[in-house]
Amino acid sequence: MENCRYTIAIMPRKSTSSAETETFGQRLARLRKERGWTQVELAERVGIIQSLISDYERDRLRMNPDMIVRFAAALEVTTDGLLQPEGSKPPLRRSPSLRVLRRLEKIEKLPPHQQSTLLKTIDTFLRGATGTR
């Protein structure tokens, strides 16, 4: 058991006074569920067995650095995103839609004076739209 890759130390329990604080296991389960994956699917992506996923999610196992990197890669998040509570990370910027990007490409192909006129029109529209709220 001493040569086991997984740290089998029991994680200290959070006090009930900080119920709003997400534990690592809860965060791991949330990230997995946001992707619509089962524990078995995540285990296959990480290269471990499902029962270990369950133990991590129940905060029964402590993550070692290698496993943190493997989980972050499998979940397509940064290690900070995996380790930090949800409220402590900066909000993600939403990417423009494909429709908007296609229009921007067309706008960039216009002559400069037409681009300027179109951008002024858009700016005027946006000022009116945000001014009414």
Protein backbone atom coordinates (compact mmCIF):
# COMPACT_ATOMS: atom_id res chain seq x y z
CA MET A 1 0.00 0.00 0.00
CA GLU A 2 2.95 2.34 0.56
CA ASN A 3 3.76 2.35 -3.17
CA CYS A 4 0.19 3.30 -4.14
CA ARG A 5 0.00 6.27 -6.56
CA TYR A 6 -3.08 7.58 -4.80
CA THR A 7 -2.93 9.27 -1.45
CA ILE A 8 -5.39 7.45 0.76
CA ALA A 9 -5.44 9.99 3.55
CA ILE A 10 -8.91 10.98 4.63
CA MET A 11 -9.61 14.62 3.88
CA PRO A 12 -10.53 16.78 6.88
CA ARG A 13 -14.23 17.61 6.91
CA LYS A 14 -15.41 21.16 6.44
CA SER A 15 -17.22 22.73 9.35
CA THR A 16 -20.95 23.14 8.93
CA SER A 17 -20.68 26.90 9.47
CA SER A 18 -19.19 27.30 5.97
CA ALA A 19 -21.93 25.36 4.21
CA GLU A 20 -21.84 27.75 1.26
CA THR A 21 -18.17 26.87 0.58
CA GLU A 22 -17.78 24.22 -2.11
CA THR A 23 -15.41 21.37 -1.23
CA PHE A 24 -12.98 20.00 -3.79
CA GLY A 25 -15.10 16.88 -4.19
CA GLN A 26 -18.26 18.91 -4.75
CA ARG A 27 -16.44 21.05 -7.32
CA LEU A 28 -15.15 17.94 -9.10
CA ALA A 29 -18.66 16.45 -9.20
CA ARG A 30 -20.13 19.76 -10.42
CA LEU A 31 -17.59 20.06 -13.25
CA ARG A 32 -18.21 16.45 -14.28
CA LYS A 33 -21.99 16.90 -14.25
CA GLU A 34 -21.76 20.20 -16.19
CA ARG A 35 -20.19 18.18 -18.99
CA GLY A 36 -22.90 15.54 -18.76
CA TRP A 37 -20.42 12.78 -17.89
CA THR A 38 -20.86 9.82 -15.59
CA GLN A 39 -18.20 8.87 -13.08
CA VAL A 40 -17.28 5.97 -15.38
CA GLU A 41 -16.78 8.32 -18.34
CA LEU A 42 -14.59 10.68 -16.30
CA ALA A 43 -12.60 7.72 -14.95
CA GLU A 44 -11.92 6.53 -18.51
CA ARG A 45 -10.74 10.02 -19.53
CA VAL A 46 -8.45 10.28 -16.51
CA GLY A 47 -7.25 6.68 -16.73
CA ILE A 48 -8.40 5.46 -13.32
CA ILE A 49 -11.26 3.35 -11.99
CA GLN A 50 -14.74 4.69 -11.20
CA SER A 51 -14.54 3.96 -7.48
CA LEU A 52 -11.65 6.44 -7.18
CA ILE A 53 -13.78 9.13 -8.84
CA SER A 54 -16.44 8.44 -6.24
CA ASP A 55 -13.89 8.67 -3.41
CA TYR A 56 -12.52 11.98 -4.76
CA GLU A 57 -16.02 13.42 -5.12
CA ARG A 58 -16.89 12.41 -1.55
CA ASP A 59 -13.63 14.01 -0.31
CA ARG A 60 -12.35 10.66 0.91
CA LEU A 61 -9.11 10.89 -1.11
CA ARG A 62 -6.66 13.75 -1.36
CA MET A 63 -5.47 14.72 -4.84
CA ASN A 64 -1.78 14.55 -5.57
CA PRO A 65 -0.28 16.99 -8.12
CA ASP A 66 -0.18 14.44 -10.94
CA MET A 67 -3.87 13.66 -10.50
CA ILE A 68 -4.79 17.35 -10.38
CA VAL A 69 -3.14 17.85 -13.77
CA ARG A 70 -4.82 14.73 -15.21
CA PHE A 71 -8.28 15.77 -13.96
CA ALA A 72 -7.85 19.33 -15.21
CA ALA A 73 -6.87 18.06 -18.66
CA ALA A 74 -9.76 15.59 -18.78
CA LEU A 75 -12.27 18.25 -17.67
CA GLU A 76 -10.70 20.85 -19.99
CA VAL A 77 -10.17 23.37 -17.20
CA THR A 78 -7.05 24.94 -15.76
CA THR A 79 -5.64 23.54 -12.55
CA ASP A 80 -6.73 26.81 -10.90
CA GLY A 81 -10.24 26.27 -12.21
CA LEU A 82 -10.23 22.82 -10.66
CA LEU A 83 -8.75 23.87 -7.33
CA GLN A 84 -10.41 27.24 -6.70
CA PRO A 85 -13.94 27.58 -5.37
CA GLU A 86 -16.47 28.77 -7.95
CA GLY A 87 -16.94 32.22 -6.41
CA SER A 88 -13.21 33.00 -6.36
CA LYS A 89 -12.55 32.68 -10.08
CA PRO A 90 -13.09 35.57 -12.48
CA PRO A 91 -16.17 35.30 -14.70
CA LEU A 92 -15.54 33.78 -18.12
CA ARG A 93 -15.92 36.01 -21.15
CA ARG A 94 -18.46 34.68 -23.56
CA SER A 95 -17.14 34.13 -27.09
CA PRO A 96 -18.91 35.87 -29.96
CA SER A 97 -21.32 33.66 -31.87
CA LEU A 98 -20.38 32.26 -35.25
CA ARG A 99 -23.01 34.54 -36.84
CA VAL A 100 -21.34 37.61 -35.35
CA LEU A 101 -17.86 36.46 -36.38
CA ARG A 102 -18.97 35.90 -39.99
CA ARG A 103 -20.43 39.40 -40.12
CA LEU A 104 -17.23 40.87 -38.67
CA GLU A 105 -15.21 39.14 -41.39
CA LYS A 106 -17.49 40.70 -44.03
CA ILE A 107 -17.17 44.11 -42.37
CA GLU A 108 -13.38 43.86 -42.40
CA LYS A 109 -13.49 43.31 -46.19
CA LEU A 110 -15.36 46.60 -46.74
CA PRO A 111 -13.46 49.76 -47.73
CA PRO A 112 -12.40 51.87 -44.70
CA HIS A 113 -15.00 54.63 -45.24
CA GLN A 114 -17.84 52.07 -45.38
CA GLN A 115 -16.48 50.36 -42.26
CA SER A 116 -16.46 53.70 -40.46
CA THR A 117 -20.04 54.51 -41.50
CA LEU A 118 -21.28 51.08 -40.50
CA LEU A 119 -19.52 51.20 -37.12
CA LYS A 120 -21.00 54.64 -36.40
CA THR A 121 -24.45 53.26 -37.20
CA ILE A 122 -23.88 50.29 -34.89
CA ASP A 123 -22.57 52.57 -32.12
CA THR A 124 -25.65 54.81 -32.43
CA PHE A 125 -27.95 51.80 -32.30
CA LEU A 126 -26.17 50.37 -29.23
CA ARG A 127 -26.29 53.71 -27.40
CA GLY A 128 -30.05 53.84 -28.01
CA ALA A 129 -30.55 50.22 -26.96
CA THR A 130 -28.59 50.58 -23.69
CA GLY A 131 -30.01 54.04 -22.97
CA THR A 132 -33.56 52.74 -22.82
CA ARG A 133 -32.80 50.16 -20.12
